[in-house]
Structures are given as C-alpha cells and as structure tokens.
Amino acid sequence: MRYFYKPDAGVVGDCIPYWYDGTYHIFYLRDYRDVDSHGPGIPWFHLTTTDFVHFEDLGEAIASGGVTDQDLIVGTGSVFAGQDGTHHMFYTGINPRLRTDDTHEQAVFHATSTDLIHWDTIKESPLVPDERLYERHDWRDPFVFFDQSSGLYRMLLAARTQSGPPNRISARRRPRPTTCLECDSRRAKVKCWWNCLKTKRPTRWPTSSTLSRRVITTG
C-alpha cells in the first residue's frame, strides 16, 4: 500500500503511534459506519511502516465488545514497553448505553503483549473515576509514560472534576493504574472537552486536542 493509507472498509479514526525496534506501529480506531454489516462497535486495528509510504496491515488488534459490554467502542489510549520488555496498552472502553446512574459510559482497560500482535486484555475491574472527585462519565484517552526523574509510571486522562475540566495524573511504580489520582492545576481556558492528551519535553506540560466549535491542539 502507498500513502495515503485507507482501510478497505470504514474509515481511520484516532491513531495511536508506537515506535519499537526500528518499526512504527500505528494502532487506530476503525469506524466502519455500517451497523448492518459490522455492528455498532469500533475496534482497534494495527498497521506497521518504516517509511510512512509503505504500510503493512496486521488486522484487528483489539476487538470491540457487544452492545451491553463496557468496551463496545474501543476508544483512544496509548502503548508503551515496560522495563521487562512486555508491551502495555491502555485504552478507553466506551458504551453510550451505560450512561446511567449505576454504570459508567467510559472506563480504562489494560492489555499486555509480548509481540505487539496478540493482546491479552484484563477485563476485570477496569479503572473508573473516584466520584468523590470526578464526574462519572468523562474518563478517557489514557496516556502512560515513564517519568525517569521520579521512577514512576504516570497516566494522563481526559476527564472532568466535579467543579471543572482540569487534566488528571495518576502515578505508580509499576505499569498498572491506581484509583488514587491527583488533579493538575492547569485548567482549560475554553469551554470544551480535553481529548488525546500527550506530553511535551522538556516542559512536560500536557498537550491536548479539544472539541469545541473547532478542533484545536493546546499546550
């Protein structure tokens, strides 16, 4: 295949890039937009490239769940390698049908792999917000990185507190999240949603795509 890549069915949604051992791995949300043929879910698919001209399609990486499952839509996340070489993937499980007072529309799942092809998802106890601090249904787009200065794995999440939309950070010495999160003091200056958070060096200030009347990136 040559640029620009386009799947045979559906369209490319958010891309989750990951470089490893000389190859760029591009995980992406495939939105079929064809409920009759493919159902309402959105899975992750997997491409590789070394030059962004030629692509190899490795097929589905994470399948979408059923209409009653938390991960009906496999939403945006991040991929990284742990210190033991195991690859870790954190992604959002989204199901608009679960936007109720008893369930969560969005939750964070964790999957692991030794070859970047076959992934084992930990379905039990996905990470959900502590509702003493955070709103129930805005909890997505986990971005995990290793902070060498502290020796901690840190996770950025797009979420909302009960009083406004700051960024969140969680920290842990091993690549599994905790429910003990702390708020970042930098707050959004516009009335919008934070999405797809990343970090910039050397400042480590988060960057984000925001959804308002325009899609913009802030930092």
Protein backbone atom coordinates (compact mmCIF):
# COMPACT_ATOMS: atom_id res chain seq x y z
CA MET A 1 0.00 0.00 0.00
CA ARG A 2 1.13 3.55 -0.63
CA TYR A 3 0.17 6.78 1.03
CA PHE A 4 -2.33 7.73 1.94
CA TYR A 5 -3.47 4.60 3.78
CA LYS A 6 -7.19 3.85 3.70
CA PRO A 7 -8.80 0.65 5.02
CA ASP A 8 -10.88 -1.49 2.70
CA ALA A 9 -13.95 -0.93 4.87
CA GLY A 10 -14.73 2.01 7.13
CA VAL A 11 -12.54 4.98 7.97
CA VAL A 12 -9.50 5.64 10.14
CA GLY A 13 -10.27 7.29 13.48
CA ASP A 14 -7.79 8.29 16.18
CA CYS A 15 -4.27 6.93 15.63
CA ILE A 16 -2.09 5.66 18.46
CA PRO A 17 1.53 5.62 17.22
CA TYR A 18 4.25 3.50 18.81
CA TRP A 19 7.87 3.10 17.69
CA TYR A 20 9.66 -0.12 18.57
CA ASP A 21 12.80 -1.78 17.26
CA GLY A 22 13.02 0.27 14.06
CA THR A 23 9.35 -0.01 13.10
CA TYR A 24 6.45 2.37 13.58
CA HIS A 25 3.31 0.65 14.82
CA ILE A 26 0.14 2.59 14.17
CA PHE A 27 -2.87 1.39 16.11
CA TYR A 28 -6.06 3.11 15.05
CA LEU A 29 -9.78 3.16 15.67
CA ARG A 30 -11.63 1.71 12.68
CA ASP A 31 -15.07 3.22 12.37
CA TYR A 32 -17.00 1.05 9.93
CA ARG A 33 -20.03 3.33 9.81
CA ASP A 34 -22.03 0.34 8.66
CA VAL A 35 -24.07 -1.09 11.52
CA ASP A 36 -25.88 -3.59 9.31
CA SER A 37 -22.64 -5.25 8.16
CA HIS A 38 -20.30 -4.69 11.12
CA GLY A 39 -22.45 -3.82 14.13
CA PRO A 40 -22.23 -0.67 16.26
CA GLY A 41 -18.80 -1.27 17.78
CA ILE A 42 -15.43 0.29 16.95
CA PRO A 43 -12.30 -1.92 17.27
CA TRP A 44 -8.58 -1.11 17.15
CA PHE A 45 -6.61 -2.13 14.04
CA HIS A 46 -2.84 -2.32 13.58
CA LEU A 47 -0.52 -1.06 10.83
CA THR A 48 3.26 -1.07 10.60
CA THR A 49 5.59 1.04 8.49
CA THR A 50 9.24 2.03 8.34
CA ASP A 51 8.88 4.95 5.92
CA PHE A 52 5.24 6.12 6.07
CA VAL A 53 4.97 5.31 2.38
CA HIS A 54 4.51 1.56 2.52
CA PHE A 55 2.19 0.04 5.13
CA GLU A 56 1.53 -3.49 6.30
CA ASP A 57 -1.96 -4.13 7.62
CA LEU A 58 -1.80 -6.57 10.55
CA GLY A 59 -5.56 -6.64 11.05
CA GLU A 60 -7.60 -6.26 14.21
CA ALA A 61 -5.64 -5.70 17.41
CA ILE A 62 -8.44 -5.25 19.97
CA ALA A 63 -11.95 -6.39 19.15
CA SER A 64 -14.96 -4.35 20.16
CA GLY A 65 -17.36 -5.79 22.70
CA GLY A 66 -21.08 -6.46 22.43
CA VAL A 67 -23.86 -3.92 22.78
CA THR A 68 -24.06 -4.45 26.56
CA ASP A 69 -20.29 -4.55 27.17
CA GLN A 70 -18.21 -1.71 28.57
CA ASP A 71 -15.90 -1.82 25.53
CA LEU A 72 -18.49 -1.63 22.75
CA ILE A 73 -16.27 1.16 21.41
CA VAL A 74 -12.55 0.63 21.88
CA GLY A 75 -11.52 4.22 22.40
CA THR A 76 -8.23 6.07 22.29
CA GLY A 77 -5.29 5.17 24.54
CA SER A 78 -1.55 4.58 24.44
CA VAL A 79 1.05 1.83 24.05
CA PHE A 80 4.45 1.55 25.73
CA ALA A 81 7.05 -1.01 26.80
CA GLY A 82 7.58 -1.92 30.44
CA GLN A 83 11.04 -2.36 31.88
CA ASP A 84 10.79 -6.14 31.42
CA GLY A 85 10.06 -5.75 27.70
CA THR A 86 6.34 -6.51 27.97
CA HIS A 87 4.22 -4.17 25.87
CA HIS A 88 1.33 -2.46 27.64
CA MET A 89 -1.75 -0.93 26.11
CA PHE A 90 -4.22 1.27 27.97
CA TYR A 91 -7.39 2.20 26.15
CA THR A 92 -10.88 3.52 26.79
CA GLY A 93 -13.91 1.25 26.83
CA ILE A 94 -16.90 3.35 25.78
CA ASN A 95 -20.57 2.43 25.67
CA PRO A 96 -23.13 5.25 25.46
CA ARG A 97 -25.79 2.78 26.61
CA LEU A 98 -24.06 2.69 30.01
CA ARG A 99 -24.52 6.38 30.69
CA THR A 100 -26.70 5.75 33.73
CA ASP A 101 -26.60 6.45 37.44
CA ASP A 102 -25.39 2.90 38.11
CA THR A 103 -22.85 2.32 35.31
CA HIS A 104 -20.05 4.20 33.55
CA GLU A 105 -20.06 5.29 29.94
CA GLN A 106 -16.24 5.31 29.90
CA ALA A 107 -13.63 3.20 31.69
CA VAL A 108 -9.93 2.43 31.19
CA PHE A 109 -8.78 -1.07 30.21
CA HIS A 110 -5.29 -2.60 30.28
CA ALA A 111 -3.90 -5.16 27.82
CA THR A 112 -0.45 -6.77 27.51
CA SER A 113 1.51 -8.38 24.71
CA THR A 114 4.93 -9.90 24.10
CA ASP A 115 4.88 -9.47 20.30
CA LEU A 116 2.58 -6.46 19.64
CA ILE A 117 0.30 -8.77 17.66
CA HIS A 118 -1.53 -10.84 20.26
CA TRP A 119 -3.00 -8.88 23.16
CA ASP A 120 -4.44 -10.15 26.43
CA THR A 121 -6.94 -7.70 27.91
CA ILE A 122 -7.54 -7.60 31.64
CA LYS A 123 -11.33 -7.34 31.62
CA GLU A 124 -11.83 -7.42 35.37
CA SER A 125 -12.09 -4.16 37.30
CA PRO A 126 -11.36 -1.52 34.66
CA LEU A 127 -10.23 1.82 36.02
CA VAL A 128 -13.18 4.13 36.73
CA PRO A 129 -13.25 7.57 38.37
CA ASP A 130 -13.45 8.22 42.08
CA GLU A 131 -16.76 10.05 42.07
CA ARG A 132 -15.91 11.93 45.22
CA LEU A 133 -13.64 13.94 42.94
CA TYR A 134 -14.54 13.27 39.32
CA GLU A 135 -17.62 13.15 37.13
CA ARG A 136 -18.88 9.65 36.37
CA HIS A 137 -18.97 9.58 32.58
CA ASP A 138 -15.93 11.62 31.40
CA TRP A 139 -12.91 9.32 31.80
CA ARG A 140 -10.96 8.56 28.63
CA ASP A 141 -7.84 8.66 26.43
CA PRO A 142 -5.22 7.32 28.90
CA PHE A 143 -1.65 8.27 28.02
CA VAL A 144 1.03 6.48 30.05
CA PHE A 145 4.69 7.43 30.21
CA PHE A 146 7.65 6.65 32.45
CA ASP A 147 8.91 9.62 34.42
CA GLN A 148 12.62 8.98 34.90
CA SER A 149 13.01 11.78 37.43
CA SER A 150 10.60 10.11 39.87
CA GLY A 151 10.82 6.48 38.80
CA LEU A 152 7.03 6.42 38.35
CA TYR A 153 4.74 5.46 35.51
CA ARG A 154 2.33 8.36 35.02
CA MET A 155 -1.05 8.34 33.34
CA LEU A 156 -2.74 11.38 31.85
CA LEU A 157 -6.51 11.14 31.49
CA ALA A 158 -9.06 13.33 29.78
CA ALA A 159 -11.71 13.77 32.46
CA ARG A 160 -13.67 16.28 34.48
CA THR A 161 -13.71 17.09 38.15
CA GLN A 162 -17.00 17.83 39.84
CA SER A 163 -16.17 21.52 39.52
CA GLY A 164 -14.41 21.86 36.15
CA PRO A 165 -12.22 20.32 33.42
CA PRO A 166 -8.57 20.10 34.56
CA ASN A 167 -6.21 17.33 33.50
CA ARG A 168 -5.62 14.31 35.70
CA ILE A 169 -2.43 12.48 36.52
CA SER A 170 -2.02 9.12 38.24
CA ALA A 171 1.32 7.68 39.28
CA ARG A 172 2.60 4.20 40.10
CA ARG A 173 5.94 2.39 40.16
CA ARG A 174 4.58 -0.43 38.01
CA PRO A 175 2.54 -0.09 34.81
CA ARG A 176 -0.86 -0.67 36.40
CA PRO A 177 -3.08 2.29 37.30
CA THR A 178 -4.43 3.16 40.72
CA THR A 179 -7.66 4.87 41.62
CA CYS A 180 -5.78 7.43 43.71
CA LEU A 181 -5.43 10.34 41.31
CA GLU A 182 -4.35 13.92 41.75
CA CYS A 183 -5.53 16.96 39.83
CA ASP A 184 -3.21 19.00 37.69
CA SER A 185 -3.62 22.67 38.45
CA ARG A 186 -3.61 23.76 34.80
CA ARG A 187 -7.21 24.24 33.75
CA ALA A 188 -8.81 24.64 30.36
CA LYS A 189 -9.33 28.24 29.26
CA VAL A 190 -12.22 27.38 26.95
CA LYS A 191 -15.48 25.54 27.46
CA CYS A 192 -14.61 22.26 25.80
CA TRP A 193 -13.56 18.64 26.32
CA TRP A 194 -9.95 17.54 26.76
CA ASN A 195 -9.01 14.68 24.45
CA CYS A 196 -5.97 12.63 23.43
CA LEU A 197 -3.53 14.05 25.97
CA LYS A 198 0.23 13.84 25.39
CA THR A 199 3.31 15.37 26.97
CA LYS A 200 5.93 17.70 25.56
CA ARG A 201 9.55 17.74 26.62
CA PRO A 202 11.32 19.42 28.26
CA THR A 203 8.40 21.26 29.89
CA ARG A 204 6.19 18.14 30.40
CA TRP A 205 3.15 20.33 30.01
CA PRO A 206 0.34 18.27 28.57
CA THR A 207 -0.97 18.88 25.08
CA SER A 208 -4.48 18.01 24.01
CA SER A 209 -6.91 18.07 21.16
CA THR A 210 -10.03 19.91 22.27
CA LEU A 211 -13.54 19.62 20.95
CA SER A 212 -15.40 22.89 20.70
CA ARG A 213 -16.55 24.64 17.54
CA ARG A 214 -13.10 23.92 16.19
CA VAL A 215 -10.71 21.07 16.82
CA ILE A 216 -7.51 22.61 18.17
CA THR A 217 -4.39 21.47 19.97
CA THR A 218 -3.36 23.22 23.14
CA GLY A 219 -0.21 23.00 25.18
